[in-house]
Amino acid sequence: MNTARKAKLPLFREVKEEINENIVDPQLIGIVENIFPWFDEIVHEYDFIYEAKFANPDTYGKEVIHGIEDDKEYVAVWMDLDDFQDNRNFKLLPDGLYEMLRPEKNSKAVRSIRHVSTKALER
């Protein structure tokens, strides 16, 4: 059983289901430990953050990408990461994602992680 491969399968499926695009070469870049209120409870989750490429390079040239999540349609647009800094109109979720993607501006709350793939070491 290839557990690493199985862990990535939901990633491929979610991108395909939500924006009808295929991705290639996903790489784990970090994990966000997210603790937040949800109705009357405090929820604790771990979000695995991947970087991937679109299989179709033409996707990068689209001004908008139409998507659907939980039967609700949405439109995604390309934005510069700096557009999210101190902006009340736009927010990256989960909390901590912006700090992960901008490590040079991080605080002590953000720590580096290392992901070692033993498969890569076999080469």
C-alpha atoms as a PDB file:
ATOM      1  CA  MET A   1       0.000   0.000   0.000  1.00  0.00           C
ATOM      2  CA  ASN A   2       1.397   3.392  -1.006  1.00  0.00           C
ATOM      3  CA  THR A   3       0.128   5.639   1.810  1.00  0.00           C
ATOM      4  CA  ALA A   4       1.740   8.827   0.442  1.00  0.00           C
ATOM      5  CA  ARG A   5      -0.025   8.342  -2.873  1.00  0.00           C
ATOM      6  CA  LYS A   6      -3.351   7.671  -1.163  1.00  0.00           C
ATOM      7  CA  ALA A   7      -2.971  10.833   0.937  1.00  0.00           C
ATOM      8  CA  LYS A   8      -2.786  12.907  -2.255  1.00  0.00           C
ATOM      9  CA  LEU A   9      -5.815  11.334  -3.945  1.00  0.00           C
ATOM     10  CA  PRO A  10      -8.348  13.635  -2.233  1.00  0.00           C
ATOM     11  CA  LEU A  11      -6.322  16.626  -3.450  1.00  0.00           C
ATOM     12  CA  PHE A  12      -6.668  15.602  -7.101  1.00  0.00           C
ATOM     13  CA  ARG A  13     -10.359  14.800  -6.620  1.00  0.00           C
ATOM     14  CA  GLU A  14     -11.224  18.064  -4.821  1.00  0.00           C
ATOM     15  CA  VAL A  15      -9.580  20.270  -7.456  1.00  0.00           C
ATOM     16  CA  LYS A  16     -11.319  18.333 -10.240  1.00  0.00           C
ATOM     17  CA  GLU A  17     -14.710  18.476  -8.499  1.00  0.00           C
ATOM     18  CA  GLU A  18     -14.521  22.143  -7.554  1.00  0.00           C
ATOM     19  CA  ILE A  19     -12.952  23.821 -10.590  1.00  0.00           C
ATOM     20  CA  ASN A  20     -12.923  21.001 -13.161  1.00  0.00           C
ATOM     21  CA  GLU A  21      -9.153  21.169 -13.614  1.00  0.00           C
ATOM     22  CA  ASN A  22      -6.449  18.541 -13.275  1.00  0.00           C
ATOM     23  CA  ILE A  23      -3.264  19.129 -11.303  1.00  0.00           C
ATOM     24  CA  VAL A  24       0.175  17.526 -11.451  1.00  0.00           C
ATOM     25  CA  ASP A  25       3.185  17.247  -9.162  1.00  0.00           C
ATOM     26  CA  PRO A  26       1.633  18.241  -5.815  1.00  0.00           C
ATOM     27  CA  GLN A  27       4.236  18.896  -3.121  1.00  0.00           C
ATOM     28  CA  LEU A  28       3.477  19.265   0.571  1.00  0.00           C
ATOM     29  CA  ILE A  29       4.747  22.688   1.665  1.00  0.00           C
ATOM     30  CA  GLY A  30       3.352  22.832   5.178  1.00  0.00           C
ATOM     31  CA  ILE A  31       0.701  22.048   7.733  1.00  0.00           C
ATOM     32  CA  VAL A  32      -1.510  24.639   9.406  1.00  0.00           C
ATOM     33  CA  GLU A  33      -2.841  23.768  12.839  1.00  0.00           C
ATOM     34  CA  ASN A  34      -6.155  25.581  12.873  1.00  0.00           C
ATOM     35  CA  ILE A  35      -8.222  26.144  16.037  1.00  0.00           C
ATOM     36  CA  PHE A  36     -11.390  28.164  15.535  1.00  0.00           C
ATOM     37  CA  PRO A  37     -14.962  28.587  16.802  1.00  0.00           C
ATOM     38  CA  TRP A  38     -17.664  26.761  14.854  1.00  0.00           C
ATOM     39  CA  PHE A  39     -21.179  27.414  16.132  1.00  0.00           C
ATOM     40  CA  ASP A  40     -21.024  26.588  19.860  1.00  0.00           C
ATOM     41  CA  GLU A  41     -17.830  24.537  19.694  1.00  0.00           C
ATOM     42  CA  ILE A  42     -14.104  25.040  19.319  1.00  0.00           C
ATOM     43  CA  VAL A  43     -12.851  23.037  16.348  1.00  0.00           C
ATOM     44  CA  HIS A  44      -9.291  21.757  15.939  1.00  0.00           C
ATOM     45  CA  GLU A  45      -8.058  20.715  12.506  1.00  0.00           C
ATOM     46  CA  TYR A  46      -4.851  20.212  10.588  1.00  0.00           C
ATOM     47  CA  ASP A  47      -4.763  21.558   7.041  1.00  0.00           C
ATOM     48  CA  PHE A  48      -2.183  20.036   4.718  1.00  0.00           C
ATOM     49  CA  ILE A  49      -1.039  22.733   2.296  1.00  0.00           C
ATOM     50  CA  TYR A  50       0.170  21.607  -1.113  1.00  0.00           C
ATOM     51  CA  GLU A  51       1.669  23.434  -4.046  1.00  0.00           C
ATOM     52  CA  ALA A  52       0.778  21.948  -7.424  1.00  0.00           C
ATOM     53  CA  LYS A  53       0.715  22.839 -11.097  1.00  0.00           C
ATOM     54  CA  PHE A  54      -2.262  22.825 -13.413  1.00  0.00           C
ATOM     55  CA  ALA A  55      -1.983  20.065 -16.002  1.00  0.00           C
ATOM     56  CA  ASN A  56      -3.309  22.461 -18.636  1.00  0.00           C
ATOM     57  CA  PRO A  57      -1.011  25.519 -18.833  1.00  0.00           C
ATOM     58  CA  ASP A  58      -3.849  27.527 -20.443  1.00  0.00           C
ATOM     59  CA  THR A  59      -5.546  27.621 -17.025  1.00  0.00           C
ATOM     60  CA  TYR A  60      -3.006  30.223 -15.904  1.00  0.00           C
ATOM     61  CA  GLY A  61      -4.223  32.584 -18.627  1.00  0.00           C
ATOM     62  CA  LYS A  62      -7.866  32.530 -17.541  1.00  0.00           C
ATOM     63  CA  GLU A  63      -9.121  35.755 -15.972  1.00  0.00           C
ATOM     64  CA  VAL A  64     -11.655  33.826 -13.893  1.00  0.00           C
ATOM     65  CA  ILE A  65     -12.114  30.212 -12.893  1.00  0.00           C
ATOM     66  CA  HIS A  66     -15.656  29.053 -12.222  1.00  0.00           C
ATOM     67  CA  GLY A  67     -16.051  26.670  -9.339  1.00  0.00           C
ATOM     68  CA  ILE A  68     -18.601  24.895  -7.218  1.00  0.00           C
ATOM     69  CA  GLU A  69     -18.434  23.801  -3.585  1.00  0.00           C
ATOM     70  CA  ASP A  70     -21.312  22.244  -1.647  1.00  0.00           C
ATOM     71  CA  ASP A  71     -23.705  23.051  -4.522  1.00  0.00           C
ATOM     72  CA  LYS A  72     -22.766  26.751  -4.391  1.00  0.00           C
ATOM     73  CA  GLU A  73     -21.170  28.343  -7.427  1.00  0.00           C
ATOM     74  CA  TYR A  74     -18.304  30.795  -7.083  1.00  0.00           C
ATOM     75  CA  VAL A  75     -15.803  32.623  -9.253  1.00  0.00           C
ATOM     76  CA  ALA A  76     -12.091  32.525  -8.436  1.00  0.00           C
ATOM     77  CA  VAL A  77      -9.701  35.168  -9.732  1.00  0.00           C
ATOM     78  CA  TRP A  78      -5.932  35.423  -9.732  1.00  0.00           C
ATOM     79  CA  MET A  79      -4.596  37.768  -7.065  1.00  0.00           C
ATOM     80  CA  ASP A  80      -1.146  38.775  -5.967  1.00  0.00           C
ATOM     81  CA  LEU A  81      -0.262  37.502  -2.508  1.00  0.00           C
ATOM     82  CA  ASP A  82       0.461  41.081  -1.394  1.00  0.00           C
ATOM     83  CA  ASP A  83      -3.227  41.918  -2.017  1.00  0.00           C
ATOM     84  CA  PHE A  84      -4.068  39.956   1.155  1.00  0.00           C
ATOM     85  CA  GLN A  85      -1.798  41.897   3.489  1.00  0.00           C
ATOM     86  CA  ASP A  86      -3.829  44.010   5.923  1.00  0.00           C
ATOM     87  CA  ASN A  87      -6.873  43.852   3.625  1.00  0.00           C
ATOM     88  CA  ARG A  88     -10.285  43.545   5.284  1.00  0.00           C
ATOM     89  CA  ASN A  89     -11.991  42.716   1.965  1.00  0.00           C
ATOM     90  CA  PHE A  90      -9.953  39.586   1.201  1.00  0.00           C
ATOM     91  CA  LYS A  91      -8.772  36.859   3.537  1.00  0.00           C
ATOM     92  CA  LEU A  92      -6.815  33.685   2.939  1.00  0.00           C
ATOM     93  CA  LEU A  93      -8.100  30.683   4.838  1.00  0.00           C
ATOM     94  CA  PRO A  94      -7.194  28.857   6.964  1.00  0.00           C
ATOM     95  CA  ASP A  95      -5.751  31.438   9.342  1.00  0.00           C
ATOM     96  CA  GLY A  96      -1.976  31.205   9.138  1.00  0.00           C
ATOM     97  CA  LEU A  97      -1.860  30.464   5.402  1.00  0.00           C
ATOM     98  CA  TYR A  98      -0.742  33.977   4.483  1.00  0.00           C
ATOM     99  CA  GLU A  99       2.066  33.780   7.044  1.00  0.00           C
ATOM    100  CA  MET A 100       3.119  30.382   5.704  1.00  0.00           C
ATOM    101  CA  LEU A 101       3.282  31.651   2.146  1.00  0.00           C
ATOM    102  CA  ARG A 102       5.194  34.794   3.192  1.00  0.00           C
ATOM    103  CA  PRO A 103       7.860  33.364   5.521  1.00  0.00           C
ATOM    104  CA  GLU A 104      10.045  36.471   5.327  1.00  0.00           C
ATOM    105  CA  LYS A 105       7.245  38.393   7.069  1.00  0.00           C
ATOM    106  CA  ASN A 106       6.367  35.699   9.588  1.00  0.00           C
ATOM    107  CA  SER A 107       6.238  35.880  13.348  1.00  0.00           C
ATOM    108  CA  LYS A 108       7.477  33.503  16.023  1.00  0.00           C
ATOM    109  CA  ALA A 109       4.153  31.648  15.681  1.00  0.00           C
ATOM    110  CA  VAL A 110       5.228  30.267  12.302  1.00  0.00           C
ATOM    111  CA  ARG A 111       7.870  27.566  12.342  1.00  0.00           C
ATOM    112  CA  SER A 112       9.584  25.744   9.535  1.00  0.00           C
ATOM    113  CA  ILE A 113       8.744  22.128   8.930  1.00  0.00           C
ATOM    114  CA  ARG A 114      10.623  19.514   7.024  1.00  0.00           C
ATOM    115  CA  HIS A 115       8.960  16.882   4.950  1.00  0.00           C
ATOM    116  CA  VAL A 116      11.251  13.974   4.222  1.00  0.00           C
ATOM    117  CA  SER A 117      10.125  11.435   1.686  1.00  0.00           C
ATOM    118  CA  THR A 118      11.975   8.163   2.104  1.00  0.00           C
ATOM    119  CA  LYS A 119      10.960   7.322  -1.467  1.00  0.00           C
ATOM    120  CA  ALA A 120      13.019  10.283  -2.658  1.00  0.00           C
ATOM    121  CA  LEU A 121      15.975   9.090  -0.567  1.00  0.00           C
ATOM    122  CA  GLU A 122      15.989   5.720  -2.354  1.00  0.00           C
ATOM    123  CA  ARG A 123      17.092   7.286  -5.630  1.00  0.00           C
END
